[in-house]
Amino acid sequence: MKSRNMKKKSGQAMVEYIIIVVLVAIACIVVVGAFGDRLREMFGAATEELGGDGGDTGTSSVEFMQGL
């Protein structure tokens, strides 16, 4: 009888964790939906600054750090 109760409690805990994960996922979707354009702009600007666009910016890393 005791092992049956333990299985029920274990299953209940798993369901609670799944509910928490689903709520966090929904919150992330809402945040990305609300700020998606701004996030895309920020990552695009960071990529461009780091030279990820394949082009040479003509600025060395030392010159970049001095500008900060």
C-alpha atoms as a PDB file:
ATOM      1  CA  MET A   1       0.000   0.000   0.000  1.00  0.00           C
ATOM      2  CA  LYS A   2       2.846   2.336   0.836  1.00  0.00           C
ATOM      3  CA  SER A   3       4.533   1.986  -2.571  1.00  0.00           C
ATOM      4  CA  ARG A   4       1.263   2.892  -4.302  1.00  0.00           C
ATOM      5  CA  ASN A   5       1.089   6.171  -2.355  1.00  0.00           C
ATOM      6  CA  MET A   6       4.718   6.954  -3.251  1.00  0.00           C
ATOM      7  CA  LYS A   7       3.973   6.480  -6.962  1.00  0.00           C
ATOM      8  CA  LYS A   8       1.011   8.850  -6.741  1.00  0.00           C
ATOM      9  CA  LYS A   9       3.120  11.500  -5.008  1.00  0.00           C
ATOM     10  CA  SER A  10       5.908  11.082  -7.544  1.00  0.00           C
ATOM     11  CA  GLY A  11       3.456  11.472 -10.413  1.00  0.00           C
ATOM     12  CA  GLN A  12       1.923  14.517  -8.761  1.00  0.00           C
ATOM     13  CA  ALA A  13       5.329  16.170  -8.398  1.00  0.00           C
ATOM     14  CA  MET A  14       6.120  15.526 -12.058  1.00  0.00           C
ATOM     15  CA  VAL A  15       2.836  17.116 -13.120  1.00  0.00           C
ATOM     16  CA  GLU A  16       3.646  20.161 -10.998  1.00  0.00           C
ATOM     17  CA  TYR A  17       7.064  20.493 -12.631  1.00  0.00           C
ATOM     18  CA  ILE A  18       5.520  20.190 -16.084  1.00  0.00           C
ATOM     19  CA  ILE A  19       3.028  22.945 -15.247  1.00  0.00           C
ATOM     20  CA  ILE A  20       5.868  25.211 -14.093  1.00  0.00           C
ATOM     21  CA  VAL A  21       7.863  24.517 -17.269  1.00  0.00           C
ATOM     22  CA  VAL A  22       4.814  25.280 -19.418  1.00  0.00           C
ATOM     23  CA  LEU A  23       4.199  28.561 -17.579  1.00  0.00           C
ATOM     24  CA  VAL A  24       7.837  29.603 -18.013  1.00  0.00           C
ATOM     25  CA  ALA A  25       7.686  28.721 -21.722  1.00  0.00           C
ATOM     26  CA  ILE A  26       4.521  30.789 -22.167  1.00  0.00           C
ATOM     27  CA  ALA A  27       6.141  33.723 -20.355  1.00  0.00           C
ATOM     28  CA  CYS A  28       9.188  33.487 -22.646  1.00  0.00           C
ATOM     29  CA  ILE A  29       6.991  33.450 -25.733  1.00  0.00           C
ATOM     30  CA  VAL A  30       5.106  36.525 -24.516  1.00  0.00           C
ATOM     31  CA  VAL A  31       8.333  38.418 -23.745  1.00  0.00           C
ATOM     32  CA  VAL A  32       9.895  37.562 -27.108  1.00  0.00           C
ATOM     33  CA  GLY A  33       6.661  38.523 -28.835  1.00  0.00           C
ATOM     34  CA  ALA A  34       6.564  41.873 -27.058  1.00  0.00           C
ATOM     35  CA  PHE A  35      10.254  42.729 -27.437  1.00  0.00           C
ATOM     36  CA  GLY A  36      11.169  40.648 -30.502  1.00  0.00           C
ATOM     37  CA  ASP A  37      11.865  43.557 -32.822  1.00  0.00           C
ATOM     38  CA  ARG A  38      14.038  45.321 -30.267  1.00  0.00           C
ATOM     39  CA  LEU A  39      15.954  42.113 -29.495  1.00  0.00           C
ATOM     40  CA  ARG A  40      16.530  41.538 -33.204  1.00  0.00           C
ATOM     41  CA  GLU A  41      17.887  45.081 -33.574  1.00  0.00           C
ATOM     42  CA  MET A  42      20.186  44.650 -30.576  1.00  0.00           C
ATOM     43  CA  PHE A  43      21.610  41.337 -31.789  1.00  0.00           C
ATOM     44  CA  GLY A  44      21.994  42.727 -35.308  1.00  0.00           C
ATOM     45  CA  ALA A  45      23.896  45.737 -34.009  1.00  0.00           C
ATOM     46  CA  ALA A  46      26.120  43.533 -31.837  1.00  0.00           C
ATOM     47  CA  THR A  47      26.855  41.244 -34.775  1.00  0.00           C
ATOM     48  CA  GLU A  48      27.700  44.191 -36.975  1.00  0.00           C
ATOM     49  CA  GLU A  49      30.002  45.664 -34.320  1.00  0.00           C
ATOM     50  CA  LEU A  50      31.802  42.353 -33.886  1.00  0.00           C
ATOM     51  CA  GLY A  51      32.343  42.086 -37.632  1.00  0.00           C
ATOM     52  CA  GLY A  52      30.126  39.058 -38.095  1.00  0.00           C
ATOM     53  CA  ASP A  53      28.837  40.362 -41.406  1.00  0.00           C
ATOM     54  CA  GLY A  54      31.971  39.154 -43.211  1.00  0.00           C
ATOM     55  CA  GLY A  55      33.242  42.620 -44.059  1.00  0.00           C
ATOM     56  CA  ASP A  56      36.306  44.372 -42.694  1.00  0.00           C
ATOM     57  CA  THR A  57      35.373  47.366 -40.598  1.00  0.00           C
ATOM     58  CA  GLY A  58      38.908  48.750 -40.761  1.00  0.00           C
ATOM     59  CA  THR A  59      39.028  49.089 -36.992  1.00  0.00           C
ATOM     60  CA  SER A  60      41.402  46.994 -34.938  1.00  0.00           C
ATOM     61  CA  SER A  61      40.344  45.520 -31.623  1.00  0.00           C
ATOM     62  CA  VAL A  62      42.685  47.927 -29.827  1.00  0.00           C
ATOM     63  CA  GLU A  63      41.033  50.926 -31.471  1.00  0.00           C
ATOM     64  CA  PHE A  64      37.621  49.484 -30.622  1.00  0.00           C
ATOM     65  CA  MET A  65      38.539  49.014 -26.952  1.00  0.00           C
ATOM     66  CA  GLN A  66      39.919  52.549 -26.729  1.00  0.00           C
ATOM     67  CA  GLY A  67      36.593  53.830 -27.999  1.00  0.00           C
ATOM     68  CA  LEU A  68      34.815  52.236 -25.056  1.00  0.00           C
END
